[in-house]
Amino acid sequence: MKYTQLGRTGLKVSRLVLGTMNFGPQTGEADSHAIMDAALDAGINFFDTANVYGWGENKGRTESIIGNWFAQDGGRRDKVVLATKVYGNMGADGEAWPNHDKLSALNIRRAVDASLKRLRTDHIDLYQFHHVDRSTPFEEIWQAIDVLVRQGKILYAGSSNFAGYKIAQANETAARLGSYGLVSEQCLYNLVERRAEMEVIPAAQDYGLGVIPWSPLHGGLLGGVLKKQAEGGRRAGGRTVDSLADPALRGKVQAYEDLLDKHGLEPGETALAWLLTRPGVTGPIVGPRTGEQLASAVRAVELELGAELLAELDGIFPGPGPSPEAFAW
């Protein structure tokens, strides 16, 4: 495994991030524990979750599964850089009592304590804002975060799904208050979806945030979906089916798979390896359901993509171009 610094911090993290969103809803506790053990064995030390994972009436279940794994000891907690998130409505019925969601100082305090209890730990390494809260000023948010840092309950703060100007607002406010500010941004970013290159990634780089892409295979679209369908494998579902209904996008996916077949490369591994070449990227989030999927993701870290192949990938999935030129020229 390869490691890098998380943004401008001294924190060293793996170039792959273990995503846990499937733990509980799709992957049982025993299998989830086995995946986390295998991730550590592979050198992955950066685990990502959120208080709402588990979904519906089981919100918080994913954090509890991770907490039960930590409780087995064996140095598990000390080996993991633990990231979770706050914002979502934690009510099982979809209705939140006032101040039980978003980023008020009151909810941040309440949510941290609840996550710590479920995770069975005394601190969270990276506490992330799952979404922008347009109703709460950043002055209030940083006041709450600074209290938690002084208490030792969290070490760093990060954002998720923030626009570039919100990253700027957050960190300019933090600088004015003498707070450390955001150290990471978790965003949708992959070969198909490159809009983050317009503003989010430039803002993250300018403010020293590590970029953590989620959905690196775009819901499976970049994982060899057409070949798997032709071979009678696991059928695509959800967003992938909708995407493939677009003839233009389906043609690009076919061209992508044909290109990699010519080079003898596996599509999913290549999509991850491409992200690891992108400026500002700390590491993509991978959510393996099996040991083989985890092993495939780990192989991507060692995969070297040549300049010619990178240019061919740009030809199939062109990005917006450099910012700010992409806006005007």
Protein backbone atom coordinates (compact mmCIF):
# COMPACT_ATOMS: atom_id res chain seq x y z
CA MET A 1 0.00 0.00 0.00
CA LYS A 2 1.09 3.54 -0.70
CA TYR A 3 0.46 6.46 1.66
CA THR A 4 0.18 10.21 1.41
CA GLN A 5 -0.53 13.20 3.63
CA LEU A 6 -4.17 14.22 4.04
CA GLY A 7 -4.16 17.70 2.53
CA ARG A 8 -2.00 20.15 4.47
CA THR A 9 -2.03 18.02 7.64
CA GLY A 10 0.66 15.78 9.06
CA LEU A 11 -1.78 12.85 8.96
CA LYS A 12 -0.57 9.95 6.82
CA VAL A 13 -3.33 7.95 5.12
CA SER A 14 -3.55 5.13 2.58
CA ARG A 15 -4.19 5.94 -1.09
CA LEU A 16 -7.39 3.89 -0.85
CA VAL A 17 -10.18 4.71 1.57
CA LEU A 18 -12.38 1.88 2.81
CA GLY A 19 -16.00 2.91 2.38
CA THR A 20 -18.45 1.24 4.76
CA MET A 21 -21.84 2.39 3.44
CA ASN A 22 -22.80 -1.21 2.55
CA PHE A 23 -22.05 -2.52 6.05
CA GLY A 24 -25.43 -3.49 7.44
CA PRO A 25 -27.76 -2.86 4.47
CA GLN A 26 -25.94 -5.19 2.05
CA THR A 27 -23.11 -6.81 3.99
CA GLY A 28 -23.71 -8.62 7.27
CA GLU A 29 -21.71 -7.87 10.39
CA ALA A 30 -19.45 -10.94 10.20
CA ASP A 31 -18.58 -10.28 6.55
CA SER A 32 -18.10 -6.57 7.29
CA HIS A 33 -15.61 -7.46 10.03
CA ALA A 34 -13.78 -9.78 7.64
CA ILE A 35 -13.52 -7.01 5.03
CA MET A 36 -12.12 -4.58 7.61
CA ASP A 37 -9.58 -7.19 8.74
CA ALA A 38 -8.55 -7.76 5.12
CA ALA A 39 -8.29 -4.00 4.53
CA LEU A 40 -5.89 -3.62 7.45
CA ASP A 41 -3.89 -6.61 6.22
CA ALA A 42 -3.63 -4.86 2.83
CA GLY A 43 -2.35 -1.70 4.51
CA ILE A 44 -5.52 0.38 4.19
CA ASN A 45 -5.66 2.58 7.29
CA PHE A 46 -8.31 5.14 6.25
CA PHE A 47 -11.94 4.10 6.97
CA ASP A 48 -14.94 6.27 6.06
CA THR A 49 -18.49 6.09 7.40
CA ALA A 50 -21.41 8.37 8.37
CA ASN A 51 -23.91 8.55 11.19
CA VAL A 52 -26.84 7.93 8.80
CA TYR A 53 -25.40 4.78 7.23
CA GLY A 54 -27.61 1.80 7.85
CA TRP A 55 -30.49 3.93 6.52
CA GLY A 56 -34.17 3.99 7.43
CA GLU A 57 -34.95 2.55 10.82
CA ASN A 58 -31.37 1.21 10.99
CA LYS A 59 -29.56 4.56 10.84
CA GLY A 60 -26.39 4.29 12.90
CA ARG A 61 -26.09 0.55 12.29
CA THR A 62 -22.93 0.90 10.20
CA GLU A 63 -21.13 2.86 12.93
CA SER A 64 -22.19 0.17 15.42
CA ILE A 65 -20.73 -2.58 13.22
CA ILE A 66 -17.42 -0.69 13.09
CA GLY A 67 -17.55 -0.12 16.85
CA ASN A 68 -18.07 -3.82 17.50
CA TRP A 69 -15.05 -4.53 15.29
CA PHE A 70 -12.92 -2.05 17.23
CA ALA A 71 -14.02 -3.73 20.47
CA GLN A 72 -12.34 -6.97 19.37
CA ASP A 73 -9.12 -5.04 20.01
CA GLY A 74 -5.93 -6.37 18.45
CA GLY A 75 -4.88 -2.73 18.04
CA ARG A 76 -7.62 -2.15 15.48
CA ARG A 77 -8.61 1.34 16.60
CA ASP A 78 -5.02 2.56 16.86
CA LYS A 79 -4.30 1.42 13.29
CA VAL A 80 -7.29 3.20 11.75
CA VAL A 81 -7.75 6.82 10.69
CA LEU A 82 -11.48 7.01 11.36
CA ALA A 83 -13.73 9.37 9.43
CA THR A 84 -17.47 9.82 9.95
CA LYS A 85 -20.02 12.47 9.01
CA VAL A 86 -22.73 14.68 10.49
CA TYR A 87 -25.73 16.42 8.89
CA GLY A 88 -28.41 13.84 8.17
CA ASN A 89 -31.73 13.42 9.88
CA MET A 90 -31.34 10.53 12.30
CA GLY A 91 -35.06 9.99 12.81
CA ALA A 92 -36.12 6.51 11.67
CA ASP A 93 -39.41 7.83 10.30
CA GLY A 94 -37.77 10.53 8.21
CA GLU A 95 -38.98 13.31 10.49
CA ALA A 96 -36.41 15.12 12.58
CA TRP A 97 -37.29 16.80 15.85
CA PRO A 98 -36.02 20.40 15.72
CA ASN A 99 -32.22 20.61 16.08
CA HIS A 100 -31.70 16.89 15.47
CA ASP A 101 -30.13 17.32 12.05
CA LYS A 102 -27.84 19.63 10.05
CA LEU A 103 -24.96 21.66 11.48
CA SER A 104 -26.17 23.74 14.39
CA ALA A 105 -23.78 23.75 17.35
CA LEU A 106 -26.42 21.85 19.31
CA ASN A 107 -26.77 19.07 16.75
CA ILE A 108 -23.02 18.80 16.17
CA ARG A 109 -22.51 18.28 19.91
CA ARG A 110 -25.32 15.73 20.10
CA ALA A 111 -24.26 13.88 16.94
CA VAL A 112 -20.61 13.57 17.95
CA ASP A 113 -21.50 11.99 21.28
CA ALA A 114 -23.91 9.56 19.60
CA SER A 115 -21.32 8.56 16.98
CA LEU A 116 -18.62 8.06 19.63
CA LYS A 117 -20.95 5.77 21.55
CA ARG A 118 -21.83 3.68 18.48
CA LEU A 119 -18.20 3.57 17.30
CA ARG A 120 -17.01 2.59 20.80
CA THR A 121 -14.11 5.01 20.71
CA ASP A 122 -13.12 8.19 22.52
CA HIS A 123 -12.30 10.24 19.43
CA ILE A 124 -13.00 10.67 15.71
CA ASP A 125 -10.00 11.49 13.56
CA LEU A 126 -11.84 13.24 10.72
CA TYR A 127 -15.32 14.68 11.34
CA GLN A 128 -16.98 15.61 8.05
CA PHE A 129 -19.93 17.85 7.23
CA HIS A 130 -22.03 15.61 4.97
CA HIS A 131 -23.67 18.56 3.20
CA VAL A 132 -23.78 22.34 3.25
CA ASP A 133 -26.13 23.78 5.89
CA ARG A 134 -27.41 27.02 4.41
CA SER A 135 -29.14 27.93 7.68
CA THR A 136 -26.10 27.84 9.98
CA PRO A 137 -23.26 30.38 9.73
CA PHE A 138 -19.73 29.04 9.58
CA GLU A 139 -18.87 31.11 12.68
CA GLU A 140 -21.20 28.89 14.70
CA ILE A 141 -19.96 25.69 13.06
CA TRP A 142 -16.30 26.48 13.81
CA GLN A 143 -17.10 27.46 17.37
CA ALA A 144 -18.66 24.02 17.88
CA ILE A 145 -15.78 22.23 16.15
CA ASP A 146 -13.12 24.08 18.16
CA VAL A 147 -14.81 23.02 21.39
CA LEU A 148 -14.77 19.39 20.28
CA VAL A 149 -11.10 19.62 19.29
CA ARG A 150 -10.22 21.04 22.72
CA GLN A 151 -12.20 18.23 24.34
CA GLY A 152 -10.26 15.67 22.29
CA LYS A 153 -13.41 14.26 20.70
CA ILE A 154 -12.32 15.08 17.15
CA LEU A 155 -8.98 15.93 15.56
CA TYR A 156 -9.76 17.34 12.10
CA ALA A 157 -12.79 18.61 10.19
CA GLY A 158 -13.66 17.95 6.57
CA SER A 159 -16.45 18.64 4.12
CA SER A 160 -18.46 16.52 1.74
CA ASN A 161 -20.45 17.63 -1.31
CA PHE A 162 -19.37 21.27 -0.92
CA ALA A 163 -19.21 23.69 -3.83
CA GLY A 164 -15.90 25.45 -4.38
CA TYR A 165 -17.18 28.76 -3.04
CA LYS A 166 -18.40 27.04 0.14
CA ILE A 167 -14.94 25.58 0.70
CA ALA A 168 -13.60 29.12 0.37
CA GLN A 169 -16.24 30.54 2.75
CA ALA A 170 -15.59 27.85 5.32
CA ASN A 171 -11.84 28.28 5.37
CA GLU A 172 -11.82 32.06 5.17
CA THR A 173 -14.12 32.13 8.19
CA ALA A 174 -11.90 29.63 10.00
CA ALA A 175 -8.81 31.73 9.30
CA ARG A 176 -10.53 34.84 10.64
CA LEU A 177 -11.44 32.98 13.85
CA GLY A 178 -8.06 31.32 14.27
CA SER A 179 -9.51 27.87 13.56
CA TYR A 180 -7.70 25.24 11.50
CA GLY A 181 -10.54 24.88 9.01
CA LEU A 182 -11.37 22.12 6.56
CA VAL A 183 -8.62 19.62 5.71
CA SER A 184 -10.50 17.46 3.19
CA GLU A 185 -13.37 17.46 0.71
CA GLN A 186 -15.26 14.29 -0.20
CA CYS A 187 -16.89 14.72 -3.60
CA LEU A 188 -18.37 12.86 -6.55
CA TYR A 189 -15.47 12.46 -8.97
CA ASN A 190 -14.59 9.86 -11.58
CA LEU A 191 -13.85 9.53 -15.31
CA VAL A 192 -17.51 10.00 -16.24
CA GLU A 193 -18.27 12.78 -13.74
CA ARG A 194 -15.50 15.39 -13.87
CA ARG A 195 -17.35 18.59 -12.98
CA ALA A 196 -15.40 18.76 -9.71
CA GLU A 197 -12.42 19.88 -11.82
CA MET A 198 -14.20 23.17 -12.53
CA GLU A 199 -14.16 24.64 -9.01
CA VAL A 200 -14.18 22.07 -6.21
CA ILE A 201 -10.74 20.58 -6.80
CA PRO A 202 -9.02 23.94 -7.54
CA ALA A 203 -10.52 25.35 -4.32
CA ALA A 204 -9.43 22.27 -2.37
CA GLN A 205 -5.89 22.57 -3.70
CA ASP A 206 -5.66 26.30 -2.96
CA TYR A 207 -6.83 25.79 0.63
CA GLY A 208 -4.79 22.65 1.27
CA LEU A 209 -7.64 20.13 1.37
CA GLY A 210 -7.17 16.51 0.41
CA VAL A 211 -9.73 15.36 -2.17
CA ILE A 212 -11.53 12.09 -1.41
CA PRO A 213 -13.59 10.96 -4.43
CA TRP A 214 -16.73 8.93 -3.80
CA SER A 215 -18.35 6.66 -6.41
CA PRO A 216 -15.03 6.19 -8.26
CA LEU A 217 -16.66 3.64 -10.61
CA HIS A 218 -19.76 5.82 -11.08
CA GLY A 219 -22.12 3.29 -9.58
CA GLY A 220 -20.43 0.38 -11.41
CA LEU A 221 -20.53 2.01 -14.86
CA LEU A 222 -16.72 1.97 -15.04
CA GLY A 223 -16.35 -1.56 -13.68
CA GLY A 224 -16.75 -3.46 -16.96
CA VAL A 225 -20.53 -3.45 -16.85
CA LEU A 226 -21.11 -4.16 -20.56
CA LYS A 227 -18.73 -7.10 -20.65
CA LYS A 228 -20.32 -8.53 -17.52
CA GLN A 229 -23.76 -8.22 -19.10
CA ALA A 230 -22.58 -9.95 -22.27
CA GLU A 231 -21.10 -12.79 -20.23
CA GLY A 232 -24.31 -13.21 -18.22
CA GLY A 233 -22.79 -11.90 -15.00
CA ARG A 234 -24.24 -9.67 -12.30
CA ARG A 235 -26.89 -7.46 -13.88
CA ALA A 236 -26.61 -3.72 -13.60
CA GLY A 237 -29.17 -1.89 -11.53
CA GLY A 238 -30.29 1.54 -10.40
CA ARG A 239 -28.31 4.49 -11.70
CA THR A 240 -26.21 2.27 -14.01
CA VAL A 241 -29.28 1.12 -15.94
CA ASP A 242 -30.46 4.71 -16.32
CA SER A 243 -27.02 5.80 -17.53
CA LEU A 244 -26.77 3.02 -20.11
CA ALA A 245 -30.12 4.07 -21.54
CA ASP A 246 -28.30 7.13 -22.95
CA PRO A 247 -26.87 5.97 -26.32
CA ALA A 248 -24.04 8.51 -26.23
CA LEU A 249 -22.88 7.47 -22.77
CA ARG A 250 -23.29 3.78 -23.57
CA GLY A 251 -21.04 4.32 -26.59
CA LYS A 252 -18.39 5.94 -24.41
CA VAL A 253 -18.52 3.07 -21.91
CA GLN A 254 -18.14 0.59 -24.79
CA ALA A 255 -15.17 2.53 -26.14
CA TYR A 256 -13.66 2.56 -22.65
CA GLU A 257 -14.00 -1.19 -22.24
CA ASP A 258 -12.66 -1.85 -25.75
CA LEU A 259 -9.63 0.37 -25.08
CA LEU A 260 -8.76 -1.38 -21.86
CA ASP A 261 -9.33 -4.80 -23.39
CA LYS A 262 -6.75 -3.84 -26.03
CA HIS A 263 -4.28 -2.94 -23.25
CA GLY A 264 -5.12 -6.01 -21.15
CA LEU A 265 -6.37 -3.90 -18.26
CA GLU A 266 -9.31 -4.37 -15.92
CA PRO A 267 -11.82 -1.49 -16.12
CA GLY A 268 -12.47 -1.04 -12.40
CA GLU A 269 -8.79 -1.07 -11.52
CA THR A 270 -8.04 1.42 -14.29
CA ALA A 271 -10.76 3.81 -13.11
CA LEU A 272 -9.24 3.81 -9.63
CA ALA A 273 -5.70 4.14 -10.95
CA TRP A 274 -6.79 7.13 -13.08
CA LEU A 275 -8.06 8.93 -9.98
CA LEU A 276 -4.73 8.33 -8.27
CA THR A 277 -3.03 10.30 -11.07
CA ARG A 278 -5.26 13.33 -10.56
CA PRO A 279 -3.85 16.44 -8.85
CA GLY A 280 -5.06 16.92 -5.29
CA VAL A 281 -6.58 13.44 -4.89
CA THR A 282 -5.74 11.76 -1.59
CA GLY A 283 -7.47 8.50 -2.41
CA PRO A 284 -10.81 7.23 -3.73
CA ILE A 285 -13.39 5.54 -1.52
CA VAL A 286 -13.88 1.86 -2.35
CA GLY A 287 -16.77 -0.17 -0.97
CA PRO A 288 -15.93 -3.84 -1.59
CA ARG A 289 -18.57 -6.47 -0.92
CA THR A 290 -16.10 -9.35 -1.29
CA GLY A 291 -12.47 -10.10 -0.67
CA GLU A 292 -11.76 -10.27 -4.40
CA GLN A 293 -13.21 -6.81 -4.93
CA LEU A 294 -10.91 -5.52 -2.19
CA ALA A 295 -7.91 -7.26 -3.76
CA SER A 296 -8.77 -5.72 -7.14
CA ALA A 297 -8.88 -2.24 -5.58
CA VAL A 298 -5.50 -2.79 -3.92
CA ARG A 299 -3.97 -3.81 -7.25
CA ALA A 300 -5.05 -0.46 -8.67
CA VAL A 301 -2.63 1.34 -6.35
CA GLU A 302 0.32 -0.30 -8.12
CA LEU A 303 -1.07 0.18 -11.62
CA GLU A 304 0.93 2.66 -13.69
CA LEU A 305 -0.96 4.38 -16.51
CA GLY A 306 1.20 5.72 -19.31
CA ALA A 307 0.80 9.15 -20.90
CA GLU A 308 -0.62 7.67 -24.11
CA LEU A 309 -3.33 5.73 -22.26
CA LEU A 310 -4.20 8.76 -20.13
CA ALA A 311 -4.62 10.81 -23.30
CA GLU A 312 -6.87 8.12 -24.79
CA LEU A 313 -8.99 8.10 -21.63
CA ASP A 314 -9.30 11.89 -21.86
CA GLY A 315 -10.43 11.42 -25.44
CA ILE A 316 -13.30 9.19 -24.36
CA PHE A 317 -14.23 11.09 -21.20
CA PRO A 318 -12.96 14.65 -21.66
CA GLY A 319 -12.84 16.87 -18.63
CA PRO A 320 -13.96 20.51 -18.61
CA GLY A 321 -10.43 21.80 -19.01
CA PRO A 322 -8.38 24.06 -16.75
CA SER A 323 -10.17 26.45 -14.44
CA PRO A 324 -11.07 29.30 -14.90
CA GLU A 325 -10.47 29.01 -18.65
CA ALA A 326 -13.11 26.28 -18.89
CA PHE A 327 -15.76 28.82 -17.95
CA ALA A 328 -15.08 31.21 -20.80
CA TRP A 329 -12.71 29.96 -23.53
